[in-house]
């Protein structure tokens, strides 16, 4: 994380304001920024998870989803997600034709989630030393147990990620049934 990172500011309706925010500075009421999370699953329905470095300010030593971060000035959601995966894991992904699978609003922003299926050779990854100390594949029961033990960042919807990944819309329809 660079303290001089600049983020685009958005309205509550997710429209860019043309103003910037410097990471680390307090955000004002009515200011919002864009964050992204990427969850990569393999064909065995295991998620690629990463362990954060012990010196990270937020969630030190905790296991987390595949990659995450804030969009930088000028980036759209897809570009930010591609960059975060490349920076943190040294892995290239292409989201140019994808929309987020879902978005969660938080106090000062919008968090877009991308759920991908991709076989990844862990030995080929180049971990970003400033952010990531380890990666591994883990199934649903394992990550839920890790969350219960306090070693996985607590996402209230963690179990659902394994069920909906690219397969269902908000009403439970399988995407191929509606296409």
N, C-alpha and C. Protein backbone atom coordinates (compact mmCIF):
# COMPACT_ATOMS: atom_id res chain seq x y z
N UNK A 1 0.85 -1.19 0.00
CA UNK A 1 0.00 0.00 0.00
C UNK A 1 0.88 1.24 0.00
N UNK A 2 0.64 2.11 -0.90
CA UNK A 2 1.37 3.37 -0.97
C UNK A 2 0.51 4.48 -0.37
N UNK A 3 1.09 5.21 0.56
CA UNK A 3 0.34 6.30 1.21
C UNK A 3 0.00 7.40 0.23
N UNK A 4 0.70 7.46 -0.92
CA UNK A 4 0.40 8.51 -1.89
C UNK A 4 -0.55 8.04 -2.98
N UNK A 5 -1.21 6.88 -2.77
CA UNK A 5 -2.21 6.41 -3.74
C UNK A 5 -3.34 7.41 -3.82
N UNK A 6 -3.80 7.64 -5.04
CA UNK A 6 -4.97 8.50 -5.25
C UNK A 6 -6.12 7.66 -5.77
N UNK A 7 -7.30 7.91 -5.21
CA UNK A 7 -8.53 7.22 -5.60
C UNK A 7 -9.49 8.24 -6.21
N UNK A 8 -10.27 7.80 -7.19
CA UNK A 8 -11.38 8.61 -7.66
C UNK A 8 -12.46 8.63 -6.59
N UNK A 9 -13.12 9.77 -6.45
CA UNK A 9 -14.27 9.87 -5.55
C UNK A 9 -15.55 9.75 -6.36
N UNK A 10 -16.54 9.13 -5.74
CA UNK A 10 -17.84 8.86 -6.38
C UNK A 10 -18.96 9.43 -5.55
N UNK A 11 -20.11 9.64 -6.21
CA UNK A 11 -21.33 9.98 -5.50
C UNK A 11 -21.95 8.69 -4.96
N UNK A 12 -23.01 8.82 -4.17
CA UNK A 12 -23.70 7.64 -3.65
C UNK A 12 -24.30 6.80 -4.78
N UNK A 13 -24.48 7.40 -5.94
CA UNK A 13 -25.03 6.71 -7.11
C UNK A 13 -23.93 6.14 -8.01
N UNK A 14 -22.72 6.14 -7.52
CA UNK A 14 -21.56 5.56 -8.18
C UNK A 14 -21.16 6.32 -9.45
N UNK A 15 -21.31 7.61 -9.39
CA UNK A 15 -20.85 8.46 -10.49
C UNK A 15 -19.57 9.16 -10.05
N UNK A 16 -18.56 9.15 -10.91
CA UNK A 16 -17.31 9.84 -10.59
C UNK A 16 -17.57 11.33 -10.43
N UNK A 17 -16.97 11.91 -9.40
CA UNK A 17 -17.16 13.34 -9.13
C UNK A 17 -16.11 14.20 -9.83
N UNK A 18 -15.01 13.60 -10.26
CA UNK A 18 -13.89 14.37 -10.81
C UNK A 18 -12.91 14.79 -9.73
N UNK A 19 -13.23 14.48 -8.48
CA UNK A 19 -12.33 14.79 -7.36
C UNK A 19 -11.55 13.53 -6.97
N UNK A 20 -10.43 13.74 -6.29
CA UNK A 20 -9.55 12.64 -5.87
C UNK A 20 -9.47 12.58 -4.35
N UNK A 21 -9.06 11.41 -3.86
CA UNK A 21 -8.84 11.21 -2.43
C UNK A 21 -7.48 10.54 -2.25
N UNK A 22 -6.70 11.01 -1.30
CA UNK A 22 -5.41 10.41 -1.00
C UNK A 22 -5.61 9.33 0.07
N UNK A 23 -5.15 8.12 -0.23
CA UNK A 23 -5.27 7.00 0.71
C UNK A 23 -4.67 7.40 2.06
N UNK A 24 -5.37 7.03 3.12
CA UNK A 24 -4.90 7.34 4.46
C UNK A 24 -5.52 8.59 5.05
N UNK A 25 -5.98 9.51 4.18
CA UNK A 25 -6.66 10.71 4.67
C UNK A 25 -8.09 10.32 5.04
N UNK A 26 -8.67 10.96 6.05
CA UNK A 26 -10.06 10.63 6.39
C UNK A 26 -11.01 11.02 5.26
N UNK A 27 -12.00 10.17 5.05
CA UNK A 27 -13.02 10.48 4.04
C UNK A 27 -14.16 11.25 4.70
N UNK A 28 -14.75 12.15 3.94
CA UNK A 28 -15.86 12.96 4.44
C UNK A 28 -17.17 12.25 4.17
N UNK A 29 -18.20 12.64 4.89
CA UNK A 29 -19.54 12.13 4.62
C UNK A 29 -19.89 12.44 3.17
N UNK A 30 -20.51 11.48 2.49
CA UNK A 30 -20.91 11.67 1.11
C UNK A 30 -19.81 11.41 0.10
N UNK A 31 -18.62 11.02 0.57
CA UNK A 31 -17.53 10.65 -0.34
C UNK A 31 -17.42 9.13 -0.38
N UNK A 32 -17.26 8.59 -1.57
CA UNK A 32 -17.20 7.14 -1.74
C UNK A 32 -16.07 6.78 -2.69
N UNK A 33 -15.49 5.58 -2.49
CA UNK A 33 -14.48 5.09 -3.42
C UNK A 33 -14.79 3.65 -3.79
N UNK A 34 -14.05 3.14 -4.77
CA UNK A 34 -14.28 1.82 -5.32
C UNK A 34 -13.22 0.84 -4.82
N UNK A 35 -13.68 -0.31 -4.33
CA UNK A 35 -12.79 -1.40 -3.92
C UNK A 35 -13.18 -2.65 -4.70
N UNK A 36 -12.27 -3.60 -4.76
CA UNK A 36 -12.52 -4.85 -5.50
C UNK A 36 -12.00 -6.04 -4.71
N UNK A 37 -12.66 -7.17 -4.90
CA UNK A 37 -12.20 -8.47 -4.39
C UNK A 37 -12.28 -9.47 -5.54
N UNK A 38 -11.30 -10.34 -5.63
CA UNK A 38 -11.31 -11.41 -6.62
C UNK A 38 -11.19 -12.73 -5.88
N UNK A 39 -12.07 -13.67 -6.23
CA UNK A 39 -12.03 -15.03 -5.67
C UNK A 39 -11.82 -15.99 -6.84
N UNK A 40 -10.70 -16.68 -6.83
CA UNK A 40 -10.42 -17.66 -7.89
C UNK A 40 -10.65 -19.05 -7.31
N UNK A 41 -11.47 -19.82 -8.01
CA UNK A 41 -11.79 -21.19 -7.64
C UNK A 41 -11.20 -22.14 -8.66
N UNK A 42 -10.83 -23.34 -8.23
CA UNK A 42 -10.40 -24.36 -9.18
C UNK A 42 -11.57 -25.30 -9.47
N UNK A 43 -11.34 -26.30 -10.29
CA UNK A 43 -12.41 -27.22 -10.69
C UNK A 43 -12.87 -28.12 -9.55
N UNK A 44 -12.13 -28.15 -8.45
CA UNK A 44 -12.52 -28.94 -7.27
C UNK A 44 -13.30 -28.08 -6.26
N UNK A 45 -13.72 -26.87 -6.69
CA UNK A 45 -14.45 -25.93 -5.84
C UNK A 45 -13.65 -25.52 -4.61
N UNK A 46 -12.34 -25.38 -4.81
CA UNK A 46 -11.47 -24.83 -3.78
C UNK A 46 -11.13 -23.40 -4.18
N UNK A 47 -11.04 -22.54 -3.17
CA UNK A 47 -10.71 -21.14 -3.42
C UNK A 47 -9.22 -20.92 -3.16
N UNK A 48 -8.60 -20.14 -4.02
CA UNK A 48 -7.22 -19.71 -3.80
C UNK A 48 -7.27 -18.61 -2.75
N UNK A 49 -6.65 -18.86 -1.60
CA UNK A 49 -6.65 -17.88 -0.52
C UNK A 49 -5.21 -17.42 -0.26
N UNK A 50 -5.09 -16.22 0.29
CA UNK A 50 -3.78 -15.67 0.59
C UNK A 50 -3.69 -15.32 2.07
N UNK A 51 -2.48 -15.45 2.61
CA UNK A 51 -2.24 -15.04 3.99
C UNK A 51 -1.53 -13.69 3.97
N UNK A 52 -2.10 -12.75 4.68
CA UNK A 52 -1.56 -11.39 4.74
C UNK A 52 -0.28 -11.37 5.58
N UNK A 53 0.57 -10.43 5.28
CA UNK A 53 1.84 -10.29 6.01
C UNK A 53 1.57 -9.87 7.47
N UNK A 54 2.45 -10.26 8.41
CA UNK A 54 2.25 -9.93 9.82
C UNK A 54 2.34 -8.44 10.12
N UNK A 55 2.98 -7.67 9.25
CA UNK A 55 3.16 -6.25 9.49
C UNK A 55 2.07 -5.40 8.83
N UNK A 56 1.06 -6.04 8.19
CA UNK A 56 -0.05 -5.29 7.61
C UNK A 56 -0.86 -4.64 8.73
N UNK A 57 -1.27 -3.41 8.52
CA UNK A 57 -2.04 -2.69 9.53
C UNK A 57 -3.40 -3.34 9.78
N UNK A 58 -4.09 -3.70 8.70
CA UNK A 58 -5.40 -4.33 8.82
C UNK A 58 -5.26 -5.84 8.65
N UNK A 59 -5.83 -6.60 9.54
CA UNK A 59 -5.89 -8.05 9.47
C UNK A 59 -4.52 -8.72 9.32
N UNK A 60 -3.53 -8.37 10.14
CA UNK A 60 -2.21 -8.99 10.01
C UNK A 60 -2.26 -10.50 10.24
N UNK A 61 -1.50 -11.24 9.43
CA UNK A 61 -1.38 -12.71 9.51
C UNK A 61 -2.66 -13.47 9.18
N UNK A 62 -3.72 -12.78 8.85
CA UNK A 62 -4.99 -13.45 8.57
C UNK A 62 -5.02 -13.96 7.14
N UNK A 63 -5.78 -15.03 6.93
CA UNK A 63 -6.05 -15.54 5.59
C UNK A 63 -7.19 -14.73 5.00
N UNK A 64 -7.13 -14.52 3.68
CA UNK A 64 -8.10 -13.67 2.99
C UNK A 64 -8.47 -14.31 1.66
N UNK A 65 -9.42 -13.69 0.97
CA UNK A 65 -9.80 -14.13 -0.36
C UNK A 65 -8.59 -14.00 -1.29
N UNK A 66 -8.72 -14.35 -2.55
CA UNK A 66 -7.59 -14.41 -3.48
C UNK A 66 -6.83 -13.10 -3.57
N UNK A 67 -7.52 -11.99 -3.80
CA UNK A 67 -6.87 -10.68 -3.92
C UNK A 67 -7.91 -9.59 -3.70
N UNK A 68 -7.43 -8.42 -3.25
CA UNK A 68 -8.35 -7.33 -2.98
C UNK A 68 -7.59 -6.02 -2.92
N UNK A 69 -8.33 -4.92 -3.10
CA UNK A 69 -7.72 -3.60 -2.96
C UNK A 69 -8.65 -2.52 -3.46
N UNK A 70 -8.13 -1.31 -3.45
CA UNK A 70 -8.89 -0.15 -3.91
C UNK A 70 -8.50 0.21 -5.33
N UNK A 71 -9.47 0.70 -6.09
CA UNK A 71 -9.21 1.18 -7.44
C UNK A 71 -8.42 2.48 -7.36
N UNK A 72 -7.42 2.60 -8.20
CA UNK A 72 -6.61 3.81 -8.27
C UNK A 72 -7.25 4.82 -9.21
N UNK A 73 -6.80 6.05 -9.11
CA UNK A 73 -7.31 7.12 -9.96
C UNK A 73 -7.30 6.68 -11.42
N UNK A 74 -8.44 6.82 -12.09
CA UNK A 74 -8.55 6.51 -13.51
C UNK A 74 -8.90 5.07 -13.82
N UNK A 75 -8.84 4.17 -12.84
CA UNK A 75 -9.15 2.76 -13.09
C UNK A 75 -10.64 2.50 -12.95
N UNK A 76 -11.14 1.57 -13.79
CA UNK A 76 -12.47 1.06 -13.56
C UNK A 76 -12.35 -0.20 -12.70
N UNK A 77 -13.46 -0.80 -12.39
CA UNK A 77 -13.49 -1.96 -11.50
C UNK A 77 -12.66 -3.12 -12.06
N UNK A 78 -12.85 -3.43 -13.34
CA UNK A 78 -12.14 -4.55 -13.95
C UNK A 78 -10.63 -4.32 -13.94
N UNK A 79 -10.21 -3.12 -14.30
CA UNK A 79 -8.78 -2.79 -14.31
C UNK A 79 -8.18 -2.90 -12.92
N UNK A 80 -8.90 -2.44 -11.91
CA UNK A 80 -8.40 -2.52 -10.54
C UNK A 80 -8.26 -3.97 -10.09
N UNK A 81 -9.25 -4.80 -10.42
CA UNK A 81 -9.18 -6.22 -10.04
C UNK A 81 -8.03 -6.92 -10.75
N UNK A 82 -7.86 -6.66 -12.04
CA UNK A 82 -6.75 -7.25 -12.78
C UNK A 82 -5.41 -6.84 -12.17
N UNK A 83 -5.27 -5.55 -11.84
CA UNK A 83 -4.03 -5.04 -11.26
C UNK A 83 -3.75 -5.66 -9.90
N UNK A 84 -4.76 -5.76 -9.05
CA UNK A 84 -4.55 -6.32 -7.71
C UNK A 84 -4.07 -7.77 -7.79
N UNK A 85 -4.68 -8.57 -8.66
CA UNK A 85 -4.26 -9.97 -8.80
C UNK A 85 -2.83 -10.04 -9.33
N UNK A 86 -2.51 -9.19 -10.31
CA UNK A 86 -1.15 -9.17 -10.86
C UNK A 86 -0.14 -8.72 -9.82
N UNK A 87 -0.45 -7.66 -9.07
CA UNK A 87 0.49 -7.17 -8.05
C UNK A 87 0.69 -8.17 -6.91
N UNK A 88 -0.41 -8.68 -6.37
CA UNK A 88 -0.32 -9.51 -5.17
C UNK A 88 0.16 -10.93 -5.47
N UNK A 89 -0.20 -11.47 -6.66
CA UNK A 89 0.10 -12.87 -6.95
C UNK A 89 0.97 -13.08 -8.20
N UNK A 90 1.19 -12.04 -8.97
CA UNK A 90 1.94 -12.20 -10.21
C UNK A 90 1.16 -12.99 -11.25
N UNK A 91 -0.15 -12.95 -11.18
CA UNK A 91 -1.02 -13.72 -12.07
C UNK A 91 -1.82 -12.78 -12.95
N UNK A 92 -1.79 -13.02 -14.25
CA UNK A 92 -2.58 -12.22 -15.17
C UNK A 92 -3.97 -12.80 -15.36
N UNK A 93 -4.98 -11.94 -15.26
CA UNK A 93 -6.36 -12.33 -15.56
C UNK A 93 -6.95 -11.27 -16.47
N UNK A 94 -7.98 -11.64 -17.23
CA UNK A 94 -8.63 -10.71 -18.14
C UNK A 94 -10.11 -10.60 -17.76
N UNK A 95 -10.48 -9.43 -17.28
CA UNK A 95 -11.87 -9.18 -16.90
C UNK A 95 -12.54 -8.18 -17.82
N UNK A 96 -11.94 -7.91 -18.97
CA UNK A 96 -12.44 -6.86 -19.85
C UNK A 96 -13.88 -7.09 -20.32
N UNK A 97 -14.31 -8.35 -20.39
CA UNK A 97 -15.68 -8.65 -20.82
C UNK A 97 -16.57 -9.08 -19.67
N UNK A 98 -16.17 -8.80 -18.43
CA UNK A 98 -16.93 -9.25 -17.26
C UNK A 98 -17.47 -8.08 -16.47
N UNK A 99 -18.62 -8.31 -15.88
CA UNK A 99 -19.13 -7.41 -14.85
C UNK A 99 -18.86 -8.08 -13.51
N UNK A 100 -18.85 -7.34 -12.42
CA UNK A 100 -18.71 -7.99 -11.11
C UNK A 100 -19.86 -8.97 -10.88
N UNK A 101 -19.59 -10.04 -10.17
CA UNK A 101 -20.66 -10.99 -9.83
C UNK A 101 -21.63 -10.38 -8.83
N UNK A 102 -21.12 -9.54 -7.95
CA UNK A 102 -21.98 -8.78 -7.04
C UNK A 102 -21.19 -7.63 -6.45
N UNK A 103 -21.90 -6.67 -5.88
CA UNK A 103 -21.30 -5.49 -5.25
C UNK A 103 -21.90 -5.34 -3.86
N UNK A 104 -21.04 -5.04 -2.92
CA UNK A 104 -21.51 -4.76 -1.56
C UNK A 104 -21.14 -3.31 -1.25
N UNK A 105 -22.13 -2.54 -0.82
CA UNK A 105 -21.88 -1.17 -0.41
C UNK A 105 -21.33 -1.17 1.01
N UNK A 106 -20.37 -0.29 1.27
CA UNK A 106 -19.86 -0.10 2.63
C UNK A 106 -19.89 1.39 2.94
N UNK A 107 -19.54 1.76 4.14
CA UNK A 107 -19.73 3.14 4.60
C UNK A 107 -19.19 4.17 3.60
N UNK A 108 -18.00 3.96 3.09
CA UNK A 108 -17.41 4.94 2.18
C UNK A 108 -17.12 4.36 0.80
N UNK A 109 -17.98 3.44 0.33
CA UNK A 109 -17.72 2.99 -1.02
C UNK A 109 -18.52 1.81 -1.50
N UNK A 110 -18.00 1.26 -2.59
CA UNK A 110 -18.60 0.14 -3.32
C UNK A 110 -17.52 -0.92 -3.47
N UNK A 111 -17.85 -2.15 -3.14
CA UNK A 111 -16.88 -3.26 -3.21
C UNK A 111 -17.39 -4.28 -4.22
N UNK A 112 -16.73 -4.34 -5.38
CA UNK A 112 -17.11 -5.27 -6.44
C UNK A 112 -16.40 -6.60 -6.24
N UNK A 113 -17.15 -7.69 -6.39
CA UNK A 113 -16.61 -9.05 -6.22
C UNK A 113 -16.66 -9.78 -7.55
N UNK A 114 -15.53 -10.38 -7.90
CA UNK A 114 -15.41 -11.20 -9.11
C UNK A 114 -15.12 -12.63 -8.67
N UNK A 115 -15.93 -13.58 -9.14
CA UNK A 115 -15.78 -14.99 -8.82
C UNK A 115 -15.38 -15.71 -10.10
N UNK A 116 -14.15 -16.23 -10.14
CA UNK A 116 -13.60 -16.82 -11.35
C UNK A 116 -13.27 -18.28 -11.13
N UNK A 117 -13.30 -19.06 -12.22
CA UNK A 117 -12.78 -20.43 -12.16
C UNK A 117 -11.54 -20.49 -13.03
N UNK A 118 -10.43 -20.89 -12.43
CA UNK A 118 -9.16 -20.96 -13.15
C UNK A 118 -8.23 -21.92 -12.41
N UNK A 119 -7.62 -22.78 -13.17
CA UNK A 119 -6.60 -23.66 -12.58
C UNK A 119 -5.31 -22.85 -12.48
N UNK A 120 -4.75 -22.79 -11.29
CA UNK A 120 -3.54 -22.00 -11.06
C UNK A 120 -2.50 -22.89 -10.38
N UNK A 121 -1.31 -22.92 -10.95
CA UNK A 121 -0.18 -23.64 -10.35
C UNK A 121 0.43 -22.72 -9.30
N UNK A 122 0.30 -23.08 -8.04
CA UNK A 122 0.79 -22.22 -6.96
C UNK A 122 2.28 -21.92 -7.08
N UNK A 123 3.04 -22.88 -7.59
CA UNK A 123 4.49 -22.69 -7.73
C UNK A 123 4.83 -21.60 -8.74
N UNK A 124 3.90 -21.28 -9.63
CA UNK A 124 4.16 -20.26 -10.66
C UNK A 124 3.86 -18.85 -10.17
N UNK A 125 3.26 -18.70 -9.01
CA UNK A 125 2.88 -17.38 -8.51
C UNK A 125 4.09 -16.63 -7.95
N UNK A 126 4.08 -15.31 -8.11
CA UNK A 126 5.11 -14.43 -7.54
C UNK A 126 4.40 -13.54 -6.52
N UNK A 127 4.57 -13.85 -5.25
CA UNK A 127 3.85 -13.14 -4.19
C UNK A 127 4.47 -11.78 -3.92
N UNK A 128 3.63 -10.79 -3.71
CA UNK A 128 4.07 -9.43 -3.38
C UNK A 128 4.49 -9.41 -1.91
N UNK A 129 5.78 -9.25 -1.66
CA UNK A 129 6.31 -9.34 -0.30
C UNK A 129 5.67 -8.35 0.66
N UNK A 130 5.27 -7.19 0.18
CA UNK A 130 4.67 -6.17 1.05
C UNK A 130 3.27 -6.55 1.52
N UNK A 131 2.64 -7.49 0.82
CA UNK A 131 1.24 -7.80 1.11
C UNK A 131 1.00 -9.25 1.53
N UNK A 132 1.63 -10.19 0.83
CA UNK A 132 1.24 -11.61 0.90
C UNK A 132 2.40 -12.46 1.37
N UNK A 133 2.16 -13.32 2.40
CA UNK A 133 3.22 -14.22 2.85
C UNK A 133 3.04 -15.65 2.36
N UNK A 134 1.81 -16.05 2.01
CA UNK A 134 1.58 -17.43 1.56
C UNK A 134 0.26 -17.49 0.79
N UNK A 135 0.11 -18.54 -0.03
CA UNK A 135 -1.14 -18.83 -0.73
C UNK A 135 -1.39 -20.32 -0.66
N UNK A 136 -2.65 -20.69 -0.80
CA UNK A 136 -3.02 -22.11 -0.85
C UNK A 136 -4.45 -22.25 -1.35
N UNK A 137 -4.79 -23.47 -1.74
CA UNK A 137 -6.17 -23.80 -2.09
C UNK A 137 -6.87 -24.30 -0.84
N UNK A 138 -8.13 -23.92 -0.66
CA UNK A 138 -8.91 -24.39 0.49
C UNK A 138 -10.38 -24.53 0.09
N UNK A 139 -11.00 -25.61 0.55
CA UNK A 139 -12.41 -25.85 0.29
C UNK A 139 -13.31 -25.10 1.25
N UNK A 140 -14.60 -25.18 0.99
CA UNK A 140 -15.60 -24.45 1.78
C UNK A 140 -15.52 -24.79 3.26
N UNK A 141 -15.52 -26.07 3.60
CA UNK A 141 -15.51 -26.45 5.02
C UNK A 141 -14.25 -25.94 5.72
N UNK A 142 -13.13 -25.98 5.01
CA UNK A 142 -11.87 -25.54 5.60
C UNK A 142 -11.86 -24.04 5.86
N UNK A 143 -12.32 -23.23 4.89
CA UNK A 143 -12.30 -21.78 5.12
C UNK A 143 -13.31 -21.38 6.19
N UNK A 144 -14.43 -22.09 6.26
CA UNK A 144 -15.39 -21.79 7.33
C UNK A 144 -14.82 -22.14 8.69
N UNK A 145 -14.07 -23.24 8.77
CA UNK A 145 -13.41 -23.61 10.03
C UNK A 145 -12.34 -22.58 10.39
N UNK A 146 -11.61 -22.10 9.39
CA UNK A 146 -10.59 -21.07 9.62
C UNK A 146 -11.24 -19.79 10.12
N UNK A 147 -12.38 -19.45 9.54
CA UNK A 147 -13.09 -18.25 9.99
C UNK A 147 -13.54 -18.42 11.43
N UNK A 148 -14.06 -19.60 11.76
CA UNK A 148 -14.50 -19.89 13.14
C UNK A 148 -13.33 -19.82 14.13
N UNK A 149 -12.16 -20.26 13.69
CA UNK A 149 -10.95 -20.25 14.54
C UNK A 149 -10.32 -18.87 14.63
N UNK A 150 -10.78 -17.93 13.81
CA UNK A 150 -10.23 -16.59 13.83
C UNK A 150 -8.98 -16.41 12.99
N UNK A 151 -8.70 -17.32 12.06
CA UNK A 151 -7.52 -17.18 11.21
C UNK A 151 -7.87 -16.71 9.79
N UNK A 152 -9.17 -16.63 9.48
CA UNK A 152 -9.65 -16.15 8.18
C UNK A 152 -10.45 -14.88 8.42
N UNK A 153 -10.24 -13.88 7.59
CA UNK A 153 -10.99 -12.64 7.73
C UNK A 153 -12.49 -12.97 7.68
N UNK A 154 -13.28 -12.45 8.60
CA UNK A 154 -14.70 -12.82 8.66
C UNK A 154 -15.56 -12.09 7.63
N UNK A 155 -15.94 -12.80 6.61
CA UNK A 155 -16.91 -12.31 5.64
C UNK A 155 -18.22 -13.01 5.95
N UNK A 156 -19.30 -12.26 6.14
CA UNK A 156 -20.57 -12.87 6.54
C UNK A 156 -21.13 -13.79 5.46
N UNK A 157 -20.68 -13.64 4.23
CA UNK A 157 -21.20 -14.40 3.09
C UNK A 157 -20.20 -15.43 2.57
N UNK A 158 -19.17 -15.72 3.32
CA UNK A 158 -18.09 -16.60 2.85
C UNK A 158 -18.61 -17.93 2.32
N UNK A 159 -19.55 -18.56 3.03
CA UNK A 159 -20.08 -19.85 2.57
C UNK A 159 -20.80 -19.74 1.23
N UNK A 160 -21.45 -18.60 0.99
CA UNK A 160 -22.20 -18.41 -0.26
C UNK A 160 -21.29 -18.31 -1.48
N UNK A 161 -20.07 -17.84 -1.30
CA UNK A 161 -19.15 -17.70 -2.43
C UNK A 161 -18.95 -19.03 -3.15
N UNK A 162 -18.92 -20.12 -2.39
CA UNK A 162 -18.70 -21.44 -2.97
C UNK A 162 -19.95 -21.95 -3.70
N UNK A 163 -21.10 -21.41 -3.36
CA UNK A 163 -22.36 -21.88 -3.94
C UNK A 163 -22.75 -21.12 -5.20
N UNK A 164 -22.46 -19.83 -5.26
CA UNK A 164 -22.98 -19.02 -6.34
C UNK A 164 -21.96 -18.68 -7.42
N UNK A 165 -20.74 -19.00 -7.22
CA UNK A 165 -19.66 -18.54 -8.12
C UNK A 165 -20.00 -18.72 -9.59
N UNK A 166 -20.45 -17.64 -10.21
CA UNK A 166 -20.72 -17.59 -11.63
C UNK A 166 -21.87 -18.46 -12.11
N UNK A 167 -22.65 -19.01 -11.18
CA UNK A 167 -23.67 -19.96 -11.59
C UNK A 167 -25.09 -19.44 -11.45
N UNK A 168 -25.33 -18.49 -10.54
CA UNK A 168 -26.71 -18.08 -10.27
C UNK A 168 -26.83 -16.57 -10.23
N UNK A 169 -28.01 -16.09 -10.58
CA UNK A 169 -28.27 -14.67 -10.42
C UNK A 169 -28.87 -14.44 -9.03
N UNK A 170 -29.30 -13.23 -8.76
CA UNK A 170 -29.78 -12.87 -7.43
C UNK A 170 -31.04 -13.61 -7.02
N UNK A 171 -31.75 -14.21 -7.98
CA UNK A 171 -33.00 -14.92 -7.69
C UNK A 171 -32.82 -16.43 -7.61
N UNK A 172 -31.57 -16.88 -7.72
CA UNK A 172 -31.31 -18.30 -7.65
C UNK A 172 -31.43 -19.03 -8.98
N UNK A 173 -31.64 -18.28 -10.05
CA UNK A 173 -31.71 -18.89 -11.38
C UNK A 173 -30.29 -19.22 -11.84
N UNK A 174 -30.13 -20.41 -12.37
CA UNK A 174 -28.85 -20.74 -13.00
C UNK A 174 -28.73 -19.87 -14.23
N UNK A 175 -27.58 -19.25 -14.43
CA UNK A 175 -27.41 -18.31 -15.53
C UNK A 175 -27.70 -18.94 -16.87
N UNK A 176 -27.34 -20.19 -17.08
CA UNK A 176 -27.58 -20.82 -18.38
C UNK A 176 -29.06 -21.03 -18.63
N UNK A 177 -29.90 -21.10 -17.58
CA UNK A 177 -31.34 -21.28 -17.74
C UNK A 177 -31.97 -19.99 -18.28
N UNK A 178 -31.40 -18.84 -17.98
CA UNK A 178 -31.99 -17.56 -18.37
C UNK A 178 -31.42 -17.01 -19.66
N UNK A 179 -30.25 -17.50 -20.08
CA UNK A 179 -29.58 -16.96 -21.27
C UNK A 179 -30.30 -17.34 -22.55
